[in-house]
N, C-alpha and C. Protein backbone atom coordinates (compact mmCIF):
# COMPACT_ATOMS: atom_id res chain seq x y z
N THR A 1 0.93 -0.91 -0.10
CA THR A 1 0.00 0.10 0.23
C THR A 1 0.66 1.53 -0.04
N PRO A 2 0.58 2.48 -0.94
CA PRO A 2 1.63 3.50 -1.00
C PRO A 2 1.57 4.11 0.11
N ASN A 3 2.53 4.90 0.73
CA ASN A 3 2.77 5.34 2.04
C ASN A 3 3.43 6.93 1.48
N ASN A 4 3.24 7.68 2.03
CA ASN A 4 4.17 8.84 2.19
C ASN A 4 5.50 8.90 2.96
N LEU A 5 6.25 8.65 2.75
CA LEU A 5 7.62 8.50 3.51
C LEU A 5 8.53 9.45 3.72
N GLY A 6 7.96 10.74 3.15
CA GLY A 6 8.88 11.92 3.22
C GLY A 6 10.31 11.67 2.20
N GLN A 7 10.88 12.84 2.27
CA GLN A 7 12.31 12.86 1.78
C GLN A 7 13.22 11.96 1.89
N GLN A 8 13.60 10.77 0.94
CA GLN A 8 14.35 10.13 1.16
C GLN A 8 15.40 10.00 0.27
N LYS A 9 16.45 9.32 0.13
CA LYS A 9 17.99 9.37 -0.58
C LYS A 9 17.69 8.49 -1.31
N SER A 10 18.04 8.99 -2.99
CA SER A 10 17.93 8.27 -4.19
C SER A 10 19.04 8.73 -4.76
N GLY A 11 19.10 8.24 -6.05
CA GLY A 11 20.66 8.43 -6.98
C GLY A 11 20.47 8.15 -8.27
N ASN A 12 21.18 8.42 -9.16
CA ASN A 12 21.52 8.08 -10.69
C ASN A 12 22.59 7.47 -10.76
N ILE A 13 22.61 6.26 -11.85
CA ILE A 13 23.35 5.33 -12.26
C ILE A 13 23.81 5.98 -13.61
N ILE A 14 25.39 6.20 -13.84
CA ILE A 14 25.84 6.63 -15.03
C ILE A 14 26.95 5.60 -15.41
N ALA A 15 26.95 5.50 -16.64
CA ALA A 15 27.45 4.56 -17.65
C ALA A 15 28.04 5.34 -18.73
N GLU A 16 28.89 4.61 -19.18
CA GLU A 16 29.43 5.35 -20.72
C GLU A 16 30.14 4.09 -21.97
N VAL A 17 29.79 4.25 -23.00
CA VAL A 17 30.43 3.75 -24.04
C VAL A 17 31.55 4.60 -24.22
N PRO A 18 32.78 4.74 -24.02
CA PRO A 18 33.88 5.59 -24.42
C PRO A 18 33.76 5.53 -25.87
N GLY A 19 33.94 6.84 -26.11
CA GLY A 19 34.51 7.12 -27.58
C GLY A 19 35.84 7.36 -28.00
N SER A 20 36.02 7.38 -29.30
CA SER A 20 37.61 7.38 -29.57
C SER A 20 38.17 8.88 -30.18
N ASN A 21 37.17 10.11 -29.59
CA ASN A 21 37.66 11.24 -29.76
C ASN A 21 37.29 12.25 -28.68
N ALA A 22 38.17 12.14 -27.46
CA ALA A 22 37.93 12.97 -26.70
C ALA A 22 37.64 14.48 -26.64
N SER A 23 37.88 14.68 -27.60
CA SER A 23 37.75 16.27 -28.38
C SER A 23 35.99 16.65 -28.72
N LEU A 24 35.21 15.50 -28.89
CA LEU A 24 33.90 15.71 -29.29
C LEU A 24 33.46 15.64 -28.05
N PRO A 25 32.25 16.27 -27.81
CA PRO A 25 31.38 16.48 -26.51
C PRO A 25 30.52 15.33 -26.33
N PRO A 26 29.65 14.30 -25.33
CA PRO A 26 29.28 12.88 -25.60
C PRO A 26 27.92 13.17 -25.90
N VAL A 27 27.10 12.52 -25.95
CA VAL A 27 25.74 11.87 -26.08
C VAL A 27 25.27 11.06 -24.95
N VAL A 28 24.24 12.32 -24.63
CA VAL A 28 23.74 11.68 -23.29
C VAL A 28 22.19 11.00 -23.28
N ILE A 29 21.90 9.52 -22.97
CA ILE A 29 20.71 9.04 -23.23
C ILE A 29 20.06 8.15 -21.74
N ALA A 30 18.93 8.74 -22.03
CA ALA A 30 18.27 8.56 -20.23
C ALA A 30 17.01 7.91 -20.56
N CYS A 31 16.59 7.14 -19.29
CA CYS A 31 15.56 6.94 -18.52
C CYS A 31 15.37 6.82 -17.40
N HIS A 32 14.24 6.58 -16.35
CA HIS A 32 14.51 6.46 -15.10
C HIS A 32 14.33 5.16 -14.35
N LEU A 33 14.83 4.90 -13.15
CA LEU A 33 14.70 3.81 -12.36
C LEU A 33 13.37 3.51 -11.51
N ASP A 34 12.81 4.53 -11.11
CA ASP A 34 12.01 4.99 -10.04
C ASP A 34 10.82 4.55 -10.53
N SER A 35 9.59 3.86 -10.08
CA SER A 35 7.98 3.37 -10.44
C SER A 35 7.32 3.95 -9.81
N TRP A 36 5.77 4.15 -10.24
CA TRP A 36 4.88 4.69 -9.50
C TRP A 36 4.31 3.77 -8.70
N ASP A 37 3.50 4.26 -7.74
CA ASP A 37 3.25 3.54 -6.34
C ASP A 37 2.62 1.97 -6.78
N LEU A 38 1.91 2.06 -7.36
CA LEU A 38 0.82 0.70 -7.67
C LEU A 38 1.41 -0.16 -8.59
N GLY A 39 2.55 0.06 -9.49
CA GLY A 39 2.81 -0.68 -10.42
C GLY A 39 4.11 -1.29 -10.11
N THR A 40 4.75 -2.25 -11.27
CA THR A 40 6.04 -2.50 -10.82
C THR A 40 7.04 -1.83 -11.94
N GLY A 41 6.34 -0.96 -12.54
CA GLY A 41 7.25 0.07 -13.40
C GLY A 41 7.85 -0.91 -14.77
N ALA A 42 7.05 -1.99 -15.20
CA ALA A 42 7.91 -2.38 -16.08
C ALA A 42 7.28 -1.24 -17.46
N ILE A 43 6.38 -1.22 -17.65
CA ILE A 43 6.47 -0.12 -18.67
C ILE A 43 7.01 1.20 -18.50
N ASP A 44 6.55 1.82 -17.26
CA ASP A 44 7.20 3.35 -17.03
C ASP A 44 7.95 2.87 -15.61
N ASP A 45 9.52 2.73 -16.14
CA ASP A 45 10.04 2.88 -17.04
C ASP A 45 11.52 2.07 -17.49
N ALA A 46 10.86 0.70 -16.83
CA ALA A 46 11.98 -0.35 -16.91
C ALA A 46 12.05 -0.57 -18.49
N SER A 47 11.29 -0.49 -19.16
CA SER A 47 11.57 -0.61 -20.73
C SER A 47 12.09 0.16 -21.21
N GLY A 48 12.07 1.45 -21.31
CA GLY A 48 13.05 2.74 -21.54
C GLY A 48 14.26 1.84 -21.19
N CYS A 49 14.66 2.02 -19.79
CA CYS A 49 16.08 1.78 -19.30
C CYS A 49 16.59 0.53 -20.21
N GLY A 50 15.70 -0.59 -20.13
CA GLY A 50 15.99 -1.94 -20.97
C GLY A 50 16.45 -1.37 -22.34
N ILE A 51 15.57 -0.76 -22.93
CA ILE A 51 15.89 -0.07 -24.36
C ILE A 51 17.49 0.77 -24.74
N ILE A 52 17.46 1.64 -23.86
CA ILE A 52 18.72 2.49 -24.21
C ILE A 52 20.11 1.46 -23.65
N THR A 53 19.61 0.52 -22.76
CA THR A 53 20.77 -0.13 -22.37
C THR A 53 21.15 -0.90 -23.43
N ALA A 54 20.22 -1.99 -24.19
CA ALA A 54 20.37 -2.93 -25.47
C ALA A 54 20.96 -2.06 -26.39
N ALA A 55 20.87 -0.75 -26.52
CA ALA A 55 21.52 -0.10 -27.95
C ALA A 55 22.69 0.13 -27.18
N ALA A 56 22.96 0.44 -26.47
CA ALA A 56 24.44 0.90 -25.93
C ALA A 56 25.30 -0.12 -25.97
N SER A 57 24.65 -1.32 -25.46
CA SER A 57 25.43 -2.65 -25.56
C SER A 57 25.74 -2.87 -26.97
N TYR A 58 25.04 -3.03 -28.21
CA TYR A 58 25.47 -3.54 -29.15
C TYR A 58 26.04 -2.36 -30.22
N LEU A 59 26.03 -1.14 -29.31
CA LEU A 59 27.00 -0.20 -30.02
C LEU A 59 28.28 -0.32 -29.66
N LYS A 60 28.58 -0.80 -28.28
CA LYS A 60 29.91 -1.24 -27.63
C LYS A 60 30.51 -2.75 -28.51
N LYS A 61 29.51 -3.56 -28.95
CA LYS A 61 30.27 -4.57 -29.54
C LYS A 61 30.89 -3.95 -31.15
N GLY A 62 30.97 -3.02 -31.59
CA GLY A 62 31.30 -2.73 -32.87
C GLY A 62 32.76 -1.89 -32.45
N PRO A 63 33.08 -0.98 -33.61
CA PRO A 63 34.20 -0.41 -33.04
C PRO A 63 33.94 0.93 -32.46
N PRO A 64 34.90 1.16 -31.25
CA PRO A 64 34.62 2.52 -30.55
C PRO A 64 33.83 3.70 -31.62
N PRO A 65 32.61 4.04 -31.14
CA PRO A 65 32.33 5.55 -31.57
C PRO A 65 33.28 6.46 -31.86
N LYS A 66 33.00 7.66 -32.47
CA LYS A 66 33.74 8.70 -32.04
C LYS A 66 33.43 9.48 -30.88
N ARG A 67 32.11 9.63 -30.74
CA ARG A 67 31.55 10.08 -29.40
C ARG A 67 31.50 9.23 -28.35
N THR A 68 31.63 9.67 -27.33
CA THR A 68 31.05 8.98 -25.81
C THR A 68 29.60 8.98 -25.99
N VAL A 69 29.05 7.59 -25.73
CA VAL A 69 27.79 7.85 -25.33
C VAL A 69 27.33 7.58 -23.57
N ARG A 70 26.83 8.49 -23.27
CA ARG A 70 26.61 8.01 -21.68
C ARG A 70 25.16 7.85 -21.28
N LEU A 71 24.96 6.62 -20.69
CA LEU A 71 23.82 6.56 -20.07
C LEU A 71 23.36 6.71 -18.85
N LEU A 72 22.40 7.81 -18.60
CA LEU A 72 21.66 8.14 -17.45
C LEU A 72 20.63 7.24 -17.00
N TRP A 73 21.00 6.64 -16.13
CA TRP A 73 19.51 5.96 -15.42
C TRP A 73 19.70 6.83 -14.52
N ALA A 74 18.13 7.70 -14.47
CA ALA A 74 18.14 8.74 -13.47
C ALA A 74 17.10 7.91 -12.22
N GLY A 75 17.38 8.46 -10.80
CA GLY A 75 16.60 8.22 -10.08
C GLY A 75 15.48 9.57 -9.52
N ALA A 76 14.70 9.19 -9.13
CA ALA A 76 13.41 9.96 -8.18
C ALA A 76 12.95 10.45 -9.29
N GLU A 77 12.34 10.28 -10.93
CA GLU A 77 11.74 11.08 -11.74
C GLU A 77 10.31 11.51 -11.47
N GLU A 78 9.57 10.05 -11.00
CA GLU A 78 8.39 10.30 -10.62
C GLU A 78 7.69 11.29 -9.22
N VAL A 79 8.63 11.70 -8.59
CA VAL A 79 8.22 12.35 -7.28
C VAL A 79 9.24 13.85 -7.57
N GLY A 80 9.54 14.30 -8.82
CA GLY A 80 10.10 15.60 -9.02
C GLY A 80 10.95 15.80 -9.66
N ILE A 81 11.48 14.51 -10.80
CA ILE A 81 12.47 14.82 -11.60
C ILE A 81 13.64 15.00 -11.12
N TRP A 82 13.98 14.74 -9.59
CA TRP A 82 14.91 14.81 -9.11
C TRP A 82 16.52 14.46 -9.44
N GLY A 83 16.44 13.27 -10.33
CA GLY A 83 17.64 12.91 -10.89
C GLY A 83 18.19 13.18 -11.61
N GLY A 84 17.13 14.00 -12.78
CA GLY A 84 17.24 14.63 -13.98
C GLY A 84 17.89 16.03 -13.76
N LYS A 85 17.65 16.52 -12.60
CA LYS A 85 17.92 18.07 -12.20
C LYS A 85 18.87 17.70 -11.53
N ALA A 86 19.32 16.91 -11.01
CA ALA A 86 20.50 16.64 -10.31
C ALA A 86 21.87 16.64 -11.36
N TYR A 87 21.44 15.79 -12.22
CA TYR A 87 22.53 15.44 -13.23
C TYR A 87 22.73 16.74 -14.32
N GLY A 88 21.90 17.61 -14.32
CA GLY A 88 21.92 18.73 -15.40
C GLY A 88 22.68 19.57 -13.88
N GLU A 89 22.59 19.96 -13.24
CA GLU A 89 23.33 20.84 -12.15
C GLU A 89 24.96 20.21 -11.82
N ALA A 90 24.93 19.03 -12.03
CA ALA A 90 26.16 18.28 -11.76
C ALA A 90 27.17 18.42 -13.14
N TYR A 91 26.69 18.52 -13.94
CA TYR A 91 27.31 18.48 -15.36
C TYR A 91 27.10 19.60 -16.08
N LYS A 92 26.43 20.65 -15.65
CA LYS A 92 26.32 21.87 -16.59
C LYS A 92 27.17 22.58 -17.11
N ALA A 93 28.38 22.21 -16.66
CA ALA A 93 29.98 22.52 -17.13
C ALA A 93 30.79 21.89 -18.14
N GLN A 94 30.17 20.81 -18.10
CA GLN A 94 30.52 19.86 -19.13
C GLN A 94 29.73 20.24 -20.39
N PRO A 95 30.35 20.39 -21.94
CA PRO A 95 29.72 20.50 -22.98
C PRO A 95 28.98 18.79 -23.35
N HIS A 96 27.93 19.10 -23.77
CA HIS A 96 27.34 17.76 -24.26
C HIS A 96 26.99 18.45 -25.50
N ALA A 97 26.65 17.12 -26.67
CA ALA A 97 26.11 17.29 -28.05
C ALA A 97 24.73 17.10 -27.94
N LEU A 98 24.24 16.13 -27.61
CA LEU A 98 22.89 15.60 -27.95
C LEU A 98 22.31 14.92 -26.89
N ALA A 99 20.93 14.85 -26.76
CA ALA A 99 20.35 14.30 -25.77
C ALA A 99 19.24 13.36 -26.27
N MET A 100 19.14 11.96 -25.65
CA MET A 100 17.76 11.43 -26.30
C MET A 100 17.26 10.83 -24.82
N GLU A 101 15.79 10.10 -24.96
CA GLU A 101 15.38 9.54 -23.80
C GLU A 101 14.16 8.54 -24.22
N SER A 102 14.38 7.38 -23.56
CA SER A 102 13.24 6.69 -23.75
C SER A 102 12.36 6.53 -22.50
N ASP A 103 11.11 7.38 -22.50
CA ASP A 103 10.24 6.64 -21.43
C ASP A 103 8.98 7.14 -21.85
N PHE A 104 8.34 6.19 -22.72
CA PHE A 104 7.02 6.10 -22.96
C PHE A 104 6.27 4.50 -23.27
N GLY A 105 6.57 3.73 -22.53
CA GLY A 105 6.85 2.24 -22.63
C GLY A 105 7.54 1.45 -23.70
N ALA A 106 6.73 0.34 -24.08
CA ALA A 106 7.83 -0.49 -25.38
C ALA A 106 6.99 -0.89 -26.29
N ASP A 107 6.20 -0.08 -26.74
CA ASP A 107 5.49 -0.47 -27.80
C ASP A 107 6.17 0.68 -28.97
N ARG A 108 5.93 -0.16 -30.13
CA ARG A 108 6.74 0.21 -31.32
C ARG A 108 7.26 1.74 -31.62
N VAL A 109 8.35 2.00 -32.20
CA VAL A 109 8.41 3.64 -32.60
C VAL A 109 8.07 3.69 -33.90
N TRP A 110 7.36 4.85 -34.29
CA TRP A 110 6.38 4.96 -35.44
C TRP A 110 6.82 6.56 -36.01
N ARG A 111 7.44 7.09 -35.50
CA ARG A 111 7.94 8.57 -35.86
C ARG A 111 9.42 9.05 -35.22
N VAL A 112 10.17 9.55 -35.83
CA VAL A 112 11.31 10.17 -35.35
C VAL A 112 11.39 11.84 -35.78
N ASP A 113 11.57 12.45 -34.71
CA ASP A 113 12.09 13.59 -34.98
C ASP A 113 12.92 14.35 -34.64
N PHE A 114 13.39 15.58 -34.73
CA PHE A 114 14.72 15.91 -34.74
C PHE A 114 14.82 17.90 -34.47
N LYS A 115 15.68 18.27 -33.57
CA LYS A 115 16.22 19.25 -33.55
C LYS A 115 17.53 19.31 -33.33
N LEU A 116 18.00 19.53 -34.56
CA LEU A 116 19.71 19.90 -34.92
C LEU A 116 19.75 20.78 -35.46
N PRO A 117 21.18 21.40 -35.57
CA PRO A 117 22.02 22.47 -36.31
C PRO A 117 21.31 22.20 -37.87
N GLU A 118 21.32 23.65 -38.58
CA GLU A 118 21.04 23.23 -40.01
C GLU A 118 22.24 22.61 -40.56
N SER A 119 23.27 22.71 -40.12
CA SER A 119 24.58 22.13 -40.81
C SER A 119 24.79 20.48 -40.63
N ALA A 120 23.86 19.95 -39.67
CA ALA A 120 23.71 18.52 -39.44
C ALA A 120 22.05 18.23 -40.54
N LYS A 121 22.19 18.57 -40.97
CA LYS A 121 20.57 18.16 -42.11
C LYS A 121 21.28 16.91 -42.75
N PRO A 122 22.40 17.07 -43.23
CA PRO A 122 22.82 15.57 -43.79
C PRO A 122 22.44 14.31 -42.91
N LEU A 123 23.03 14.47 -41.66
CA LEU A 123 22.51 13.49 -40.65
C LEU A 123 21.48 13.17 -40.20
N GLU A 124 20.34 14.18 -40.50
CA GLU A 124 19.28 13.94 -40.10
C GLU A 124 18.30 12.86 -41.32
N ASP A 125 19.01 13.63 -42.47
CA ASP A 125 18.67 12.87 -43.26
C ASP A 125 19.26 11.28 -43.56
N LYS A 126 19.99 11.24 -43.32
CA LYS A 126 20.75 9.58 -42.99
C LYS A 126 20.26 8.87 -41.98
N ILE A 127 20.03 9.28 -40.98
CA ILE A 127 18.95 8.72 -39.96
C ILE A 127 17.48 8.03 -40.42
N ALA A 128 16.92 9.60 -41.00
CA ALA A 128 15.65 9.35 -41.70
C ALA A 128 15.21 7.88 -42.73
N ALA A 129 16.51 8.07 -43.55
CA ALA A 129 16.60 7.06 -44.28
C ALA A 129 16.86 5.72 -43.80
N ALA A 130 17.89 5.86 -42.69
CA ALA A 130 18.00 4.38 -42.10
C ALA A 130 17.00 3.64 -41.56
N LEU A 131 15.97 4.89 -40.55
CA LEU A 131 14.79 4.31 -39.97
C LEU A 131 13.67 3.79 -41.12
N ALA A 132 13.57 4.48 -41.94
CA ALA A 132 12.33 4.04 -42.96
C ALA A 132 11.83 2.46 -43.03
N PRO A 133 13.18 1.22 -43.28
CA PRO A 133 12.50 0.59 -43.17
C PRO A 133 12.00 -0.41 -42.37
N LEU A 134 11.89 0.36 -40.76
CA LEU A 134 11.42 -0.01 -39.86
C LEU A 134 9.98 0.38 -39.54
N GLY A 135 9.55 1.14 -40.63
CA GLY A 135 8.28 1.73 -40.64
C GLY A 135 8.04 3.21 -39.75
N ILE A 136 9.31 3.61 -39.60
CA ILE A 136 9.56 4.79 -38.93
C ILE A 136 9.59 5.94 -39.78
N THR A 137 8.62 6.69 -39.82
CA THR A 137 8.40 8.22 -40.73
C THR A 137 9.18 9.41 -39.87
N ARG A 138 9.46 9.98 -40.57
CA ARG A 138 9.82 11.29 -40.32
C ARG A 138 8.63 12.63 -40.10
N GLY A 139 9.14 13.32 -38.64
CA GLY A 139 8.46 13.98 -38.23
C GLY A 139 8.82 15.20 -38.65
N LYS A 140 7.57 16.25 -38.55
CA LYS A 140 7.83 17.71 -39.16
C LYS A 140 8.13 18.69 -37.90
N ASP A 141 7.68 18.25 -36.81
CA ASP A 141 7.78 19.14 -35.87
C ASP A 141 9.11 19.11 -34.54
N PRO A 142 9.68 19.72 -34.10
CA PRO A 142 11.21 19.54 -33.46
C PRO A 142 11.02 18.84 -32.40
N ALA A 143 11.79 17.86 -31.99
CA ALA A 143 12.16 17.07 -31.10
C ALA A 143 12.07 18.11 -29.93
N THR A 144 11.79 17.61 -28.45
CA THR A 144 11.65 18.11 -27.44
C THR A 144 12.59 17.37 -26.30
N GLY A 145 12.73 16.50 -26.50
CA GLY A 145 13.47 15.67 -25.27
C GLY A 145 12.65 14.81 -24.51
N GLY A 146 12.94 14.43 -23.05
CA GLY A 146 12.30 14.10 -22.21
C GLY A 146 12.64 14.71 -21.01
N ALA A 147 12.10 14.22 -19.94
CA ALA A 147 12.00 14.96 -18.51
C ALA A 147 13.37 14.88 -17.98
N ASP A 148 13.91 13.73 -17.89
CA ASP A 148 15.43 13.11 -17.13
C ASP A 148 16.72 14.11 -17.98
N VAL A 149 16.39 14.55 -19.02
CA VAL A 149 17.45 15.21 -19.65
C VAL A 149 16.74 16.88 -20.07
N GLY A 150 15.72 17.11 -19.16
CA GLY A 150 15.03 18.10 -19.63
C GLY A 150 16.25 19.63 -19.03
N ALA A 151 17.04 19.07 -17.76
CA ALA A 151 17.63 19.93 -16.99
C ALA A 151 18.66 20.22 -18.16
N ILE A 152 19.68 19.31 -18.33
CA ILE A 152 20.90 19.39 -19.17
C ILE A 152 20.60 20.19 -20.35
N ILE A 153 19.42 19.75 -21.27
CA ILE A 153 19.19 20.58 -22.45
C ILE A 153 18.69 21.96 -22.20
N ALA A 154 18.18 22.36 -20.86
CA ALA A 154 17.88 23.78 -20.61
C ALA A 154 18.97 24.56 -20.60
N ALA A 155 19.79 23.80 -19.82
CA ALA A 155 21.66 24.52 -19.50
C ALA A 155 22.20 24.66 -20.94
N GLN A 156 22.19 23.94 -21.75
CA GLN A 156 23.05 23.73 -22.89
C GLN A 156 22.44 23.99 -24.39
N GLY A 157 21.24 24.08 -24.40
CA GLY A 157 20.72 24.19 -25.74
C GLY A 157 21.08 23.07 -26.83
N LEU A 158 21.07 21.66 -26.36
CA LEU A 158 21.26 20.68 -26.99
C LEU A 158 20.32 20.35 -28.21
N ALA A 159 21.18 19.47 -28.92
CA ALA A 159 20.56 18.78 -30.11
C ALA A 159 19.76 17.90 -29.65
N ILE A 160 18.49 17.48 -30.09
CA ILE A 160 17.52 16.41 -29.75
C ILE A 160 17.10 15.64 -30.94
N VAL A 161 17.15 14.07 -30.76
CA VAL A 161 16.48 13.14 -31.40
C VAL A 161 15.28 12.36 -30.73
N ASP A 162 14.17 12.41 -30.94
CA ASP A 162 12.95 12.03 -30.42
C ASP A 162 12.13 10.47 -31.10
N LEU A 163 12.51 9.46 -30.62
CA LEU A 163 11.93 8.41 -31.15
C LEU A 163 10.69 8.20 -30.45
N GLN A 164 9.48 8.53 -31.62
CA GLN A 164 7.96 8.60 -31.06
C GLN A 164 7.63 7.20 -30.50
N GLN A 165 7.03 6.82 -29.77
CA GLN A 165 6.46 5.50 -29.62
C GLN A 165 4.96 5.44 -29.71
N ASP A 166 4.67 4.58 -29.88
CA ASP A 166 3.08 4.21 -30.16
C ASP A 166 2.59 4.46 -28.92
N GLY A 167 1.54 5.08 -28.66
CA GLY A 167 1.11 5.75 -27.24
C GLY A 167 -0.46 4.92 -26.95
N THR A 168 -0.55 3.92 -27.93
CA THR A 168 -2.23 3.84 -27.87
C THR A 168 -2.54 2.83 -26.59
N ARG A 169 -2.10 2.42 -26.32
CA ARG A 169 -2.50 1.51 -24.60
C ARG A 169 -1.37 2.05 -23.77
N TYR A 170 -0.81 2.94 -23.79
CA TYR A 170 0.21 3.47 -22.54
C TYR A 170 -0.37 3.99 -21.39
N PHE A 171 -1.46 4.51 -21.56
CA PHE A 171 -2.27 5.47 -20.52
C PHE A 171 -3.28 4.14 -19.82
N ASP A 172 -3.36 2.94 -20.44
CA ASP A 172 -4.19 2.20 -20.00
C ASP A 172 -3.31 1.44 -18.57
N LEU A 173 -2.07 1.62 -18.53
CA LEU A 173 -1.07 0.87 -17.93
C LEU A 173 -0.41 1.95 -17.15
N HIS A 174 -0.15 3.40 -17.39
CA HIS A 174 0.74 3.84 -16.65
C HIS A 174 0.10 4.79 -15.27
N HIS A 175 1.13 4.47 -14.55
CA HIS A 175 0.73 4.98 -13.05
C HIS A 175 -0.14 3.70 -12.20
N THR A 176 -0.58 2.43 -12.98
CA THR A 176 -1.54 1.86 -12.39
C THR A 176 -0.94 0.43 -12.04
N PRO A 177 -1.83 -0.37 -11.02
CA PRO A 177 -1.34 -1.97 -10.73
C PRO A 177 -1.15 -2.82 -12.02
N ASP A 178 -1.51 -2.12 -13.20
CA ASP A 178 -1.57 -3.37 -14.64
C ASP A 178 -0.06 -2.86 -14.85
N ASP A 179 0.69 -2.08 -14.67
CA ASP A 179 2.11 -1.65 -15.15
C ASP A 179 2.94 -3.31 -14.97
N THR A 180 2.94 -4.18 -15.37
CA THR A 180 3.77 -5.32 -14.99
C THR A 180 4.28 -5.99 -16.59
N LEU A 181 5.54 -6.86 -16.08
CA LEU A 181 5.99 -7.52 -17.63
C LEU A 181 5.16 -8.31 -18.40
N ASP A 182 4.34 -8.51 -17.98
CA ASP A 182 3.41 -9.40 -18.93
C ASP A 182 2.94 -8.08 -20.00
N LYS A 183 2.88 -7.08 -19.98
CA LYS A 183 2.11 -5.97 -21.06
C LYS A 183 3.36 -5.70 -21.87
N VAL A 184 4.84 -5.92 -21.71
CA VAL A 184 5.45 -5.87 -22.59
C VAL A 184 5.75 -6.50 -23.72
N ASP A 185 5.56 -6.76 -25.01
CA ASP A 185 5.64 -7.16 -25.98
C ASP A 185 6.82 -7.17 -26.61
N PRO A 186 7.93 -8.48 -26.56
CA PRO A 186 9.06 -8.30 -27.12
C PRO A 186 9.30 -8.36 -28.50
N GLU A 187 8.50 -8.13 -29.32
CA GLU A 187 8.57 -7.77 -30.88
C GLU A 187 8.48 -6.32 -31.13
N GLN A 188 7.70 -5.73 -30.22
CA GLN A 188 7.92 -4.23 -30.54
C GLN A 188 8.62 -3.59 -29.77
N MET A 189 9.32 -4.20 -28.30
CA MET A 189 10.31 -3.93 -27.60
C MET A 189 11.86 -3.99 -28.71
N ARG A 190 11.92 -5.15 -29.40
CA ARG A 190 12.76 -5.35 -30.18
C ARG A 190 13.13 -4.15 -31.50
N GLN A 191 12.02 -3.86 -32.01
CA GLN A 191 12.21 -3.14 -32.75
C GLN A 191 12.85 -1.80 -32.56
N ASN A 192 12.32 -1.13 -31.34
CA ASN A 192 12.82 0.00 -30.12
C ASN A 192 14.40 0.09 -30.33
N VAL A 193 14.75 -1.51 -29.79
CA VAL A 193 16.48 -1.28 -29.64
C VAL A 193 16.75 -1.25 -31.03
N ILE A 194 16.49 -1.78 -32.25
CA ILE A 194 17.05 -1.70 -33.48
C ILE A 194 16.93 -0.35 -33.88
N ALA A 195 15.70 0.68 -33.46
CA ALA A 195 15.87 2.27 -34.01
C ALA A 195 16.82 2.95 -33.12
N TRP A 196 16.76 2.34 -31.78
CA TRP A 196 17.81 3.27 -31.29
C TRP A 196 19.44 3.11 -31.34
N THR A 197 19.52 1.61 -31.72
CA THR A 197 20.99 1.51 -32.02
C THR A 197 21.23 2.07 -33.42
N THR A 198 20.61 2.08 -34.39
CA THR A 198 20.50 2.85 -35.58
C THR A 198 20.42 4.43 -35.27
N VAL A 199 20.13 5.04 -34.58
CA VAL A 199 20.49 6.22 -34.54
C VAL A 199 21.82 6.75 -33.41
N LEU A 200 22.09 5.80 -32.73
CA LEU A 200 23.55 6.10 -31.68
C LEU A 200 24.00 5.98 -32.74
N GLU A 201 23.93 4.72 -33.58
CA GLU A 201 25.25 4.13 -34.86
C GLU A 201 25.88 6.11 -35.52
N ASN A 202 24.55 6.66 -35.84
CA ASN A 202 25.00 7.81 -36.71
C ASN A 202 25.17 8.84 -35.98
N VAL A 203 24.68 9.15 -34.57
CA VAL A 203 25.02 10.44 -33.98
C VAL A 203 26.17 10.29 -33.11
N ALA A 204 26.50 9.03 -32.91
CA ALA A 204 28.08 8.72 -31.98
C ALA A 204 28.92 8.67 -32.79
N ASN A 205 29.00 8.64 -34.28
CA ASN A 205 30.20 8.22 -35.28
C ASN A 205 29.62 9.87 -36.20
N TYR A 206 29.16 11.16 -35.77
CA TYR A 206 28.82 12.45 -36.72
C TYR A 206 30.12 12.91 -36.11
N GLU A 207 30.99 13.57 -36.41
CA GLU A 207 31.94 14.60 -35.95
C GLU A 207 31.61 16.16 -36.09
N GLY A 208 30.92 16.35 -36.85
CA GLY A 208 30.37 17.34 -37.04
C GLY A 208 29.43 18.38 -35.83
N GLU A 209 29.58 19.50 -35.81
CA GLU A 209 28.81 20.29 -34.88
C GLU A 209 27.50 19.75 -34.36
N LEU A 210 26.85 19.42 -33.16
CA LEU A 210 25.71 19.04 -33.00
C LEU A 210 25.08 20.14 -31.98
N ALA A 211 25.33 20.52 -31.19
CA ALA A 211 24.83 21.26 -30.22
C ALA A 211 24.45 22.36 -30.87
N LEU A 212 23.36 23.21 -30.40
CA LEU A 212 22.37 24.15 -30.92
C LEU A 212 23.46 25.57 -30.85
N GLY A 213 23.95 25.51 -29.18
CA GLY A 213 24.41 26.64 -29.07
C GLY A 213 23.70 27.74 -28.17
N VAL A 214 22.35 27.51 -28.22
CA VAL A 214 21.52 28.57 -27.53
C VAL A 214 20.35 27.84 -26.76
N LYS A 215 20.35 28.42 -25.49
CA LYS A 215 19.07 27.84 -24.65
C LYS A 215 17.60 27.84 -25.19
N PRO A 216 16.94 26.94 -24.87
CA PRO A 216 15.49 26.67 -25.69
C PRO A 216 14.66 27.86 -24.93
C-alpha cells in the first residue's frame, strides 16, 4: 500500500560507451529507475532503461564510436524529476552534444523527430533513411527531449532526437497496478532497440557540430 515516507535519498546511475575522440562532446541517453506506487514499473520505465541499455550494448560490440555515449539511469523521476535535475546541475559545465530519452513504454517507434543545427541536415537525412525500413516516418515538429534530460538541455541548448512510440495503450497501464512485465511485447520492444541502435550508430560517429548553442 502506498505510503508517504517523506524525503528519502535516491541516486542516479551513470555508465559510458567510451568514444575514440575525447575532443567531441558526448551524447547522453536517459531513462528513469523509479516507478509509481501501484505498479512494478515494467512499462514506466523499466522498458525505457532496457531499450537504451541494449542499444548501448550493441554499439559497444562494434568499433569504438567517435563520441562517448553516456547512459543516465535517473532516480526519483516520479516524485519531482530530481535525478534529471541533479544530473543537469552536476554536469552543466561539461559540454554535451545531443540528448535522447526513452520513457513512453515499450510499443513500436513510429516517428522520428529532430532538433539539430542546420549544418547537420545530412545527418538527419541519413538517420531518417535508415529508420524508414522499420516503418518509422519522419516528423515535422521539432524534438523536445524527455523529463530526465530536460535540465541539461535547458542548460546547454542541446540537439535532440526523439523516437516517438505508439502510445495507444500506454495510459491504460501508466501509473496503475497493471504496469507489469506481461504487458511488454517483445517484438515491439525489439524494434525499439533496433531503432535506438541505428540512431546511436549515426549520432555517435558524427564529427560535425551538433549542439545548437542557444538555450531553448
